[in-house]
Amino acid sequence: MPGSDQPLHVVLVTGPPASGKTTVGRSLARDLGAALLDQDTATAPLTAVVAELVGVDDLDDQRLSGPTRAARYETITALAEDNLRAGLPVVLVAPFSTERRDLQAWAALERRLRAAGGSPLLVWLRLDAAIVVHRLRARGEGRDAAKLANPNAFTDALDVAEPAVPHVAVDAGRSTEDIIRDILAALAD
């Protein structure tokens, strides 16, 4: 709330592919009256241009993810800062793979969000690797084709371990309503 001394909620929703990050993010943003900043939505048009230039259509391909990662995360972080300064709580949806593994990267992101008036909470949507593959097949999106081409190699490389930074872990196999209830309870603590 503008003028309030209370920091605004900043919920960072992360988890493996197909864990429900976008679905949970949308529902949570609606419940909090927050701005929803989904990395895929916010950066997809420019990432698509780079993908075409590089000749890659798999977002996880290092030839695409390498040169675009920093810009993609900077985009959603800067948008979060702008929304916080405007007095709006924020829900960020992205893998946050480096930030959830590297204490310094998390501390730097947390400092930026706090400086803009936010109170960050990282939410980890926990999901077993076998269920990830099942959900990827069920959603049938082209962006998952490379992952499903060799599911064993994909799951062997998949990081489903809980974050090394402070977080709230939620079972992503439950209903969206139950997940939201857990997140809201964590925000109330």
C-alpha atoms as a PDB file:
ATOM      1  CA  MET A   1       0.000   0.000   0.000  1.00  0.00           C
ATOM      2  CA  PRO A   2       1.426   3.383  -0.911  1.00  0.00           C
ATOM      3  CA  GLY A   3       2.475   5.324   2.148  1.00  0.00           C
ATOM      4  CA  SER A   4       2.536   2.246   4.363  1.00  0.00           C
ATOM      5  CA  ASP A   5       5.581   1.423   6.462  1.00  0.00           C
ATOM      6  CA  GLN A   6       4.955  -2.284   5.881  1.00  0.00           C
ATOM      7  CA  PRO A   7       6.991  -3.911   3.111  1.00  0.00           C
ATOM      8  CA  LEU A   8       4.989  -5.320   0.232  1.00  0.00           C
ATOM      9  CA  HIS A   9       4.819  -9.029  -0.492  1.00  0.00           C
ATOM     10  CA  VAL A  10       7.170 -10.277  -3.195  1.00  0.00           C
ATOM     11  CA  VAL A  11       6.570 -13.963  -3.823  1.00  0.00           C
ATOM     12  CA  LEU A  12       9.051 -15.711  -6.094  1.00  0.00           C
ATOM     13  CA  VAL A  13       7.447 -18.894  -7.402  1.00  0.00           C
ATOM     14  CA  THR A  14       9.941 -21.487  -8.597  1.00  0.00           C
ATOM     15  CA  GLY A  15      10.122 -25.195  -9.275  1.00  0.00           C
ATOM     16  CA  PRO A  16      10.965 -27.669 -11.986  1.00  0.00           C
ATOM     17  CA  PRO A  17       9.337 -27.497 -15.422  1.00  0.00           C
ATOM     18  CA  ALA A  18       5.610 -28.356 -15.353  1.00  0.00           C
ATOM     19  CA  SER A  19       5.395 -27.930 -11.573  1.00  0.00           C
ATOM     20  CA  GLY A  20       2.608 -25.378 -11.985  1.00  0.00           C
ATOM     21  CA  LYS A  21       4.591 -22.173 -11.513  1.00  0.00           C
ATOM     22  CA  THR A  22       2.452 -20.124 -13.897  1.00  0.00           C
ATOM     23  CA  THR A  23      -0.861 -21.524 -12.633  1.00  0.00           C
ATOM     24  CA  VAL A  24       0.107 -20.928  -9.004  1.00  0.00           C
ATOM     25  CA  GLY A  25       1.525 -17.494  -9.830  1.00  0.00           C
ATOM     26  CA  ARG A  26      -1.685 -16.344 -11.533  1.00  0.00           C
ATOM     27  CA  SER A  27      -3.890 -17.547  -8.709  1.00  0.00           C
ATOM     28  CA  LEU A  28      -1.652 -16.087  -6.019  1.00  0.00           C
ATOM     29  CA  ALA A  29      -1.383 -12.714  -7.800  1.00  0.00           C
ATOM     30  CA  ARG A  30      -5.171 -12.551  -8.017  1.00  0.00           C
ATOM     31  CA  ASP A  31      -5.549 -13.374  -4.298  1.00  0.00           C
ATOM     32  CA  LEU A  32      -2.908 -10.806  -3.271  1.00  0.00           C
ATOM     33  CA  GLY A  33      -3.972  -8.090  -5.723  1.00  0.00           C
ATOM     34  CA  ALA A  34      -0.374  -8.290  -6.949  1.00  0.00           C
ATOM     35  CA  ALA A  35       1.343  -7.663 -10.243  1.00  0.00           C
ATOM     36  CA  LEU A  36       2.131 -10.960 -11.973  1.00  0.00           C
ATOM     37  CA  LEU A  37       5.565 -11.021 -13.595  1.00  0.00           C
ATOM     38  CA  ASP A  38       6.051 -14.306 -15.430  1.00  0.00           C
ATOM     39  CA  GLN A  39       9.510 -14.518 -16.979  1.00  0.00           C
ATOM     40  CA  ASP A  40       8.279 -16.462 -20.008  1.00  0.00           C
ATOM     41  CA  THR A  41       5.547 -13.917 -20.756  1.00  0.00           C
ATOM     42  CA  ALA A  42       7.694 -10.852 -20.074  1.00  0.00           C
ATOM     43  CA  THR A  43      10.662 -11.970 -22.140  1.00  0.00           C
ATOM     44  CA  ALA A  44       9.247 -14.361 -24.773  1.00  0.00           C
ATOM     45  CA  PRO A  45       9.040 -11.936 -27.712  1.00  0.00           C
ATOM     46  CA  LEU A  46      12.663 -10.836 -27.450  1.00  0.00           C
ATOM     47  CA  THR A  47      13.873 -14.332 -26.618  1.00  0.00           C
ATOM     48  CA  ALA A  48      12.111 -15.572 -29.760  1.00  0.00           C
ATOM     49  CA  VAL A  49      14.010 -13.022 -31.851  1.00  0.00           C
ATOM     50  CA  VAL A  50      17.326 -14.186 -30.373  1.00  0.00           C
ATOM     51  CA  ALA A  51      16.322 -17.836 -30.837  1.00  0.00           C
ATOM     52  CA  GLU A  52      15.648 -17.225 -34.518  1.00  0.00           C
ATOM     53  CA  LEU A  53      18.953 -15.397 -34.959  1.00  0.00           C
ATOM     54  CA  VAL A  54      20.846 -18.203 -33.239  1.00  0.00           C
ATOM     55  CA  GLY A  55      18.837 -20.939 -34.970  1.00  0.00           C
ATOM     56  CA  VAL A  56      17.695 -22.628 -31.749  1.00  0.00           C
ATOM     57  CA  ASP A  57      14.147 -23.279 -30.584  1.00  0.00           C
ATOM     58  CA  ASP A  58      14.877 -24.934 -27.220  1.00  0.00           C
ATOM     59  CA  LEU A  59      14.970 -22.318 -24.462  1.00  0.00           C
ATOM     60  CA  ASP A  60      17.241 -24.590 -22.414  1.00  0.00           C
ATOM     61  CA  ASP A  61      19.816 -24.884 -25.203  1.00  0.00           C
ATOM     62  CA  GLN A  62      22.995 -23.221 -23.920  1.00  0.00           C
ATOM     63  CA  ARG A  63      23.355 -21.304 -27.204  1.00  0.00           C
ATOM     64  CA  LEU A  64      20.131 -19.491 -26.311  1.00  0.00           C
ATOM     65  CA  SER A  65      19.973 -19.625 -22.521  1.00  0.00           C
ATOM     66  CA  GLY A  66      23.596 -18.532 -22.086  1.00  0.00           C
ATOM     67  CA  PRO A  67      23.377 -15.161 -23.827  1.00  0.00           C
ATOM     68  CA  THR A  68      19.820 -14.356 -22.687  1.00  0.00           C
ATOM     69  CA  ARG A  69      19.683 -15.484 -19.033  1.00  0.00           C
ATOM     70  CA  ALA A  70      21.026 -12.327 -17.400  1.00  0.00           C
ATOM     71  CA  ALA A  71      18.798 -10.068 -19.524  1.00  0.00           C
ATOM     72  CA  ARG A  72      15.689 -12.177 -18.858  1.00  0.00           C
ATOM     73  CA  TYR A  73      16.185 -12.060 -15.086  1.00  0.00           C
ATOM     74  CA  GLU A  74      17.103  -8.378 -15.145  1.00  0.00           C
ATOM     75  CA  THR A  75      13.849  -7.685 -17.008  1.00  0.00           C
ATOM     76  CA  ILE A  76      11.588  -9.281 -14.419  1.00  0.00           C
ATOM     77  CA  THR A  77      13.612  -7.930 -11.492  1.00  0.00           C
ATOM     78  CA  ALA A  78      13.450  -4.358 -12.818  1.00  0.00           C
ATOM     79  CA  LEU A  79       9.706  -4.752 -13.451  1.00  0.00           C
ATOM     80  CA  ALA A  80       9.282  -6.018  -9.884  1.00  0.00           C
ATOM     81  CA  GLU A  81      11.184  -3.017  -8.521  1.00  0.00           C
ATOM     82  CA  ASP A  82       9.009  -0.612 -10.523  1.00  0.00           C
ATOM     83  CA  ASN A  83       5.805  -2.250  -9.289  1.00  0.00           C
ATOM     84  CA  LEU A  84       7.002  -2.254  -5.676  1.00  0.00           C
ATOM     85  CA  ARG A  85       7.913   1.429  -5.893  1.00  0.00           C
ATOM     86  CA  ALA A  86       4.414   2.056  -7.261  1.00  0.00           C
ATOM     87  CA  GLY A  87       2.990   0.375  -4.142  1.00  0.00           C
ATOM     88  CA  LEU A  88       2.021  -2.978  -5.651  1.00  0.00           C
ATOM     89  CA  PRO A  89       2.870  -6.393  -4.254  1.00  0.00           C
ATOM     90  CA  VAL A  90       4.509  -8.685  -6.811  1.00  0.00           C
ATOM     91  CA  VAL A  91       4.463 -12.353  -7.779  1.00  0.00           C
ATOM     92  CA  LEU A  92       7.500 -13.391  -9.846  1.00  0.00           C
ATOM     93  CA  VAL A  93       7.392 -16.659 -11.796  1.00  0.00           C
ATOM     94  CA  ALA A  94      10.684 -18.112 -13.055  1.00  0.00           C
ATOM     95  CA  PRO A  95      13.027 -21.036 -12.435  1.00  0.00           C
ATOM     96  CA  PHE A  96      15.470 -18.854 -10.398  1.00  0.00           C
ATOM     97  CA  SER A  97      17.948 -21.704 -10.819  1.00  0.00           C
ATOM     98  CA  THR A  98      21.038 -19.684  -9.871  1.00  0.00           C
ATOM     99  CA  GLU A  99      19.295 -17.623  -7.187  1.00  0.00           C
ATOM    100  CA  ARG A 100      17.949 -20.700  -5.385  1.00  0.00           C
ATOM    101  CA  ARG A 101      21.346 -22.439  -5.403  1.00  0.00           C
ATOM    102  CA  ASP A 102      23.790 -19.575  -4.840  1.00  0.00           C
ATOM    103  CA  LEU A 103      23.552 -17.718  -1.530  1.00  0.00           C
ATOM    104  CA  GLN A 104      25.272 -14.623  -2.960  1.00  0.00           C
ATOM    105  CA  ALA A 105      22.980 -14.476  -5.998  1.00  0.00           C
ATOM    106  CA  TRP A 106      19.942 -14.828  -3.706  1.00  0.00           C
ATOM    107  CA  ALA A 107      21.263 -12.146  -1.337  1.00  0.00           C
ATOM    108  CA  ALA A 108      21.785  -9.720  -4.241  1.00  0.00           C
ATOM    109  CA  LEU A 109      18.246 -10.294  -5.562  1.00  0.00           C
ATOM    110  CA  GLU A 110      16.754 -10.062  -2.078  1.00  0.00           C
ATOM    111  CA  ARG A 111      18.595  -6.757  -1.425  1.00  0.00           C
ATOM    112  CA  ARG A 112      17.222  -5.240  -4.632  1.00  0.00           C
ATOM    113  CA  LEU A 113      13.648  -6.268  -3.855  1.00  0.00           C
ATOM    114  CA  ARG A 114      13.894  -5.025  -0.246  1.00  0.00           C
ATOM    115  CA  ALA A 115      15.392  -1.704  -1.388  1.00  0.00           C
ATOM    116  CA  ALA A 116      12.326  -1.251  -3.616  1.00  0.00           C
ATOM    117  CA  GLY A 117      10.001  -1.816  -0.635  1.00  0.00           C
ATOM    118  CA  GLY A 118       9.400  -5.552  -0.845  1.00  0.00           C
ATOM    119  CA  SER A 119       9.514  -8.473   1.537  1.00  0.00           C
ATOM    120  CA  PRO A 120      10.667 -11.462  -0.564  1.00  0.00           C
ATOM    121  CA  LEU A 121       9.522 -15.044  -0.060  1.00  0.00           C
ATOM    122  CA  LEU A 122      10.875 -17.824  -2.277  1.00  0.00           C
ATOM    123  CA  VAL A 123       8.346 -20.606  -2.823  1.00  0.00           C
ATOM    124  CA  TRP A 124       9.627 -23.958  -4.093  1.00  0.00           C
ATOM    125  CA  LEU A 125       7.040 -26.101  -5.852  1.00  0.00           C
ATOM    126  CA  ARG A 126       8.351 -29.559  -5.028  1.00  0.00           C
ATOM    127  CA  LEU A 127       7.681 -32.247  -7.654  1.00  0.00           C
ATOM    128  CA  ASP A 128       9.209 -35.661  -8.333  1.00  0.00           C
ATOM    129  CA  ALA A 129      11.149 -35.989 -11.607  1.00  0.00           C
ATOM    130  CA  ALA A 130       8.894 -38.795 -12.911  1.00  0.00           C
ATOM    131  CA  ILE A 131       5.830 -36.615 -12.405  1.00  0.00           C
ATOM    132  CA  VAL A 132       7.588 -33.749 -14.201  1.00  0.00           C
ATOM    133  CA  VAL A 133       7.955 -35.952 -17.292  1.00  0.00           C
ATOM    134  CA  HIS A 134       4.320 -37.071 -17.050  1.00  0.00           C
ATOM    135  CA  ARG A 135       3.147 -33.449 -16.842  1.00  0.00           C
ATOM    136  CA  LEU A 136       5.387 -32.364 -19.727  1.00  0.00           C
ATOM    137  CA  ARG A 137       3.842 -35.064 -21.918  1.00  0.00           C
ATOM    138  CA  ALA A 138       0.331 -34.081 -20.806  1.00  0.00           C
ATOM    139  CA  ARG A 139       0.755 -30.394 -21.614  1.00  0.00           C
ATOM    140  CA  GLY A 140       2.166 -31.251 -25.053  1.00  0.00           C
ATOM    141  CA  GLU A 141       3.956 -27.973 -25.732  1.00  0.00           C
ATOM    142  CA  GLY A 142       6.601 -27.672 -28.418  1.00  0.00           C
ATOM    143  CA  ARG A 143       9.040 -26.099 -25.972  1.00  0.00           C
ATOM    144  CA  ASP A 144       9.188 -29.438 -24.142  1.00  0.00           C
ATOM    145  CA  ALA A 145      10.085 -31.584 -27.178  1.00  0.00           C
ATOM    146  CA  ALA A 146      13.830 -31.578 -26.473  1.00  0.00           C
ATOM    147  CA  LYS A 147      13.219 -32.593 -22.860  1.00  0.00           C
ATOM    148  CA  LEU A 148      10.952 -35.464 -23.892  1.00  0.00           C
ATOM    149  CA  ALA A 149      13.200 -36.687 -26.717  1.00  0.00           C
ATOM    150  CA  ASN A 150      15.292 -38.462 -24.087  1.00  0.00           C
ATOM    151  CA  PRO A 151      13.334 -38.414 -20.814  1.00  0.00           C
ATOM    152  CA  ASN A 152      15.959 -40.408 -18.907  1.00  0.00           C
ATOM    153  CA  ALA A 153      18.725 -37.959 -19.770  1.00  0.00           C
ATOM    154  CA  PHE A 154      16.386 -35.078 -18.936  1.00  0.00           C
ATOM    155  CA  THR A 155      15.445 -36.459 -15.502  1.00  0.00           C
ATOM    156  CA  ASP A 156      19.083 -37.371 -14.757  1.00  0.00           C
ATOM    157  CA  ALA A 157      20.023 -33.708 -15.287  1.00  0.00           C
ATOM    158  CA  LEU A 158      16.878 -32.258 -13.666  1.00  0.00           C
ATOM    159  CA  ASP A 159      17.432 -30.367 -10.427  1.00  0.00           C
ATOM    160  CA  VAL A 160      14.539 -31.236  -8.126  1.00  0.00           C
ATOM    161  CA  ALA A 161      16.470 -30.625  -4.897  1.00  0.00           C
ATOM    162  CA  GLU A 162      15.120 -28.016  -2.524  1.00  0.00           C
ATOM    163  CA  PRO A 163      16.720 -24.576  -2.713  1.00  0.00           C
ATOM    164  CA  ALA A 164      19.849 -23.872  -0.694  1.00  0.00           C
ATOM    165  CA  VAL A 165      18.452 -20.464   0.297  1.00  0.00           C
ATOM    166  CA  PRO A 166      15.593 -19.657   2.698  1.00  0.00           C
ATOM    167  CA  HIS A 167      12.316 -20.804   1.152  1.00  0.00           C
ATOM    168  CA  VAL A 168       8.915 -22.346   1.694  1.00  0.00           C
ATOM    169  CA  ALA A 169       8.510 -25.772   0.080  1.00  0.00           C
ATOM    170  CA  VAL A 170       5.067 -26.741  -1.169  1.00  0.00           C
ATOM    171  CA  ASP A 171       3.975 -30.077  -2.632  1.00  0.00           C
ATOM    172  CA  ALA A 172       3.137 -29.217  -6.272  1.00  0.00           C
ATOM    173  CA  GLY A 173       1.135 -32.437  -6.621  1.00  0.00           C
ATOM    174  CA  ARG A 174      -1.691 -30.933  -4.572  1.00  0.00           C
ATOM    175  CA  SER A 175      -4.504 -28.734  -5.845  1.00  0.00           C
ATOM    176  CA  THR A 176      -3.793 -25.101  -6.711  1.00  0.00           C
ATOM    177  CA  GLU A 177      -6.168 -24.044  -3.929  1.00  0.00           C
ATOM    178  CA  ASP A 178      -4.214 -26.050  -1.338  1.00  0.00           C
ATOM    179  CA  ILE A 179      -0.914 -24.672  -2.608  1.00  0.00           C
ATOM    180  CA  ILE A 180      -2.215 -21.095  -2.426  1.00  0.00           C
ATOM    181  CA  ARG A 181      -3.517 -21.712   1.091  1.00  0.00           C
ATOM    182  CA  ASP A 182      -0.021 -22.865   2.174  1.00  0.00           C
ATOM    183  CA  ILE A 183       1.649 -19.831   0.585  1.00  0.00           C
ATOM    184  CA  LEU A 184      -0.810 -17.396   2.141  1.00  0.00           C
ATOM    185  CA  ALA A 185      -0.237 -19.031   5.545  1.00  0.00           C
ATOM    186  CA  ALA A 186       3.534 -18.598   5.103  1.00  0.00           C
ATOM    187  CA  LEU A 187       3.030 -14.919   4.222  1.00  0.00           C
ATOM    188  CA  ALA A 188       0.936 -14.412   7.358  1.00  0.00           C
ATOM    189  CA  ASP A 189       3.709 -15.769   9.626  1.00  0.00           C
END
